[in-house]
Protein backbone atom coordinates (compact mmCIF):
# COMPACT_ATOMS: atom_id res chain seq x y z
CA MET A 1 85.88 77.97 98.03
CA VAL A 2 85.10 77.93 94.33
CA LEU A 3 84.65 81.31 92.70
CA PRO A 4 83.75 82.25 89.13
CA ASP A 5 86.53 83.57 86.84
CA ASP A 6 85.58 87.22 87.57
CA GLN A 7 85.99 86.90 91.36
CA ALA A 8 88.93 86.55 93.69
CA LEU A 9 89.30 85.88 97.41
CA ILE A 10 90.87 88.77 99.33
CA GLU A 11 90.51 87.78 102.94
CA VAL A 12 88.83 85.40 105.41
CA GLY A 13 88.92 85.83 109.15
CA SER A 14 87.23 85.22 112.44
CA CYS A 15 87.03 86.72 115.88
CA ASP A 16 85.82 85.30 119.16
CA ALA A 17 84.80 88.18 121.38
CA ALA A 18 82.98 88.22 124.72
CA THR A 19 79.77 89.35 123.02
CA ALA A 20 79.85 87.62 119.66
CA ASN A 21 81.72 85.17 117.44
CA THR A 22 82.26 86.42 113.91
CA ILE A 23 83.38 84.91 110.63
CA TYR A 24 83.90 87.21 107.62
CA SER A 25 85.14 87.15 104.06
CA ILE A 26 86.01 89.75 101.43
CA ILE A 27 85.62 88.82 97.75
CA LYS A 28 86.40 91.11 94.82
CA THR A 29 84.41 91.00 91.59
CA LYS A 30 85.37 92.61 88.28
CA LYS A 31 82.76 95.19 87.30
CA GLN A 32 81.56 94.98 83.71
CA THR A 33 82.74 98.46 82.76
CA SER A 34 85.77 99.14 84.93
CA GLY A 35 87.03 98.76 88.46
CA VAL A 36 86.02 96.20 91.04
CA GLN A 37 83.44 95.66 93.72
CA TYR A 38 84.45 94.28 97.11
CA THR A 39 81.81 92.22 98.92
CA LEU A 40 82.14 91.91 102.67
CA THR A 41 80.11 89.07 104.20
CA MET A 42 79.93 88.69 107.98
CA ASP A 43 78.21 86.02 110.02
CA ILE A 44 77.90 86.97 113.66
CA ALA A 45 76.72 84.57 116.37
CA THR A 46 75.38 86.44 119.41
CA LYS A 47 73.58 85.21 122.50
CA TYR A 48 70.39 86.51 120.84
CA GLY A 49 70.83 84.65 117.54
CA ALA A 50 72.73 84.80 114.30
CA ILE A 51 73.21 87.91 112.18
CA HIS A 52 74.22 87.79 108.52
CA LEU A 53 75.56 91.09 107.11
CA GLN A 54 76.66 91.82 103.60
CA GLY A 55 78.11 95.03 102.26
CA PHE A 56 79.16 96.07 98.77
CA PHE A 57 82.06 98.51 98.27
CA ASP A 58 82.52 99.74 94.68
CA GLU A 59 85.43 101.52 93.08
CA ILE A 60 83.96 104.65 91.49
CA GLY A 61 85.49 107.56 89.63
CA GLN A 62 89.15 107.08 88.91
CA THR A 63 89.82 103.36 89.43
CA GLY A 64 93.13 101.57 89.80
CA LEU A 65 95.01 104.34 91.58
CA ARG A 66 95.93 102.11 94.58
CA ASP A 67 96.94 99.29 92.22
CA THR A 68 99.11 101.56 90.07
CA MET A 69 100.93 103.30 92.92
CA VAL A 70 101.68 100.09 94.83
CA PHE A 71 102.67 98.24 91.64
CA GLU A 72 105.21 100.94 90.72
CA LYS A 73 106.63 100.94 94.27
CA LEU A 74 106.99 97.13 94.38
CA GLN A 75 108.42 97.04 90.85
CA LYS A 76 111.17 99.52 91.87
CA GLU A 77 111.85 97.36 94.94
CA GLY A 78 112.17 94.23 92.79
CA VAL A 79 109.20 92.47 94.40
CA VAL A 80 107.32 92.45 91.09
CA THR A 81 109.47 91.34 88.14
CA ASN A 82 109.18 90.40 84.49
CA GLY A 83 105.92 92.21 83.87
CA LEU A 84 103.42 90.92 86.42
CA GLU A 85 105.45 88.13 88.03
CA GLY A 86 104.83 88.24 91.78
CA TRP A 87 101.97 90.72 91.52
CA MET A 88 98.98 88.39 91.97
CA ALA A 89 98.40 85.42 94.27
CA ASP A 90 95.72 83.67 96.21
CA PRO A 91 96.27 84.79 99.81
CA TYR A 92 95.72 81.23 101.14
CA ASP A 93 96.63 78.88 98.29
CA LEU A 94 99.86 79.73 96.45
CA ASP A 95 99.22 76.83 94.05
CA ASN A 96 96.07 78.53 92.74
CA LYS A 97 96.98 79.78 89.26
CA LYS A 98 93.58 81.18 88.32
CA SER A 99 93.88 84.22 86.03
CA TYR A 100 92.07 86.65 88.42
CA LEU A 101 93.55 86.75 91.90
CA MET A 102 94.26 89.17 94.74
CA ASN A 103 97.05 91.60 93.89
CA LEU A 104 99.66 92.89 96.31
CA SER A 105 98.06 96.32 96.56
CA GLU A 106 95.06 94.70 98.23
CA ARG A 107 97.11 93.69 101.28
CA GLU A 108 95.92 95.28 104.51
CA GLU A 109 99.26 97.03 104.97
CA TYR A 110 98.29 99.52 102.20
CA ASP A 111 94.96 100.50 103.73
CA GLU A 112 96.49 103.43 105.65
CA MET A 113 97.90 104.85 102.41
CA PHE A 114 94.44 104.67 100.77
CA PRO A 115 91.85 105.17 103.57
CA GLU A 116 89.08 106.14 101.08
CA HIS A 117 89.59 103.04 98.90
CA PRO A 118 86.58 100.70 99.09
CA LEU A 119 88.68 97.80 100.38
CA SER A 120 90.11 99.98 103.17
CA VAL A 121 86.55 101.08 104.05
CA ALA A 122 85.37 97.46 104.20
CA ARG A 123 88.24 96.52 106.51
CA SER A 124 87.59 99.53 108.75
CA LEU A 125 84.00 98.35 109.11
CA ILE A 126 85.25 94.90 110.18
CA LYS A 127 87.52 96.46 112.78
CA GLY A 128 84.75 98.70 114.01
CA LEU A 129 82.26 95.87 114.44
CA ILE A 130 84.68 93.26 115.78
CA ILE A 131 87.16 95.22 117.80
CA ASP A 132 85.06 98.18 118.93
CA GLY A 133 81.70 96.45 118.94
């Protein structure tokens, strides 16, 4: 997947359920003023046909709180060193050295700590549609 310099891949996944097969992706895009927008794209194949869904989840108000809190935690733990070393990486291609990548705070493990964050909301929608649906 080739993305412009202001976008980064967060997650790609799939699910084969009894009622539908789903492929989804989450991409983040730098907003021009501040913060990011997460775009969730889902393609769902059902026995009735294909469904293409797209949702946009924007950081609004105070941005960067999740990033700041997780960054400080991981810096204290020694996971992030020498400034930003270890903070950003492509989740599927560790050789990708693009300047704008997923950061560690965007891992799913931090969604419970920040349930109102737009990325957490996007993932909860995925779970609701795939697991519960």
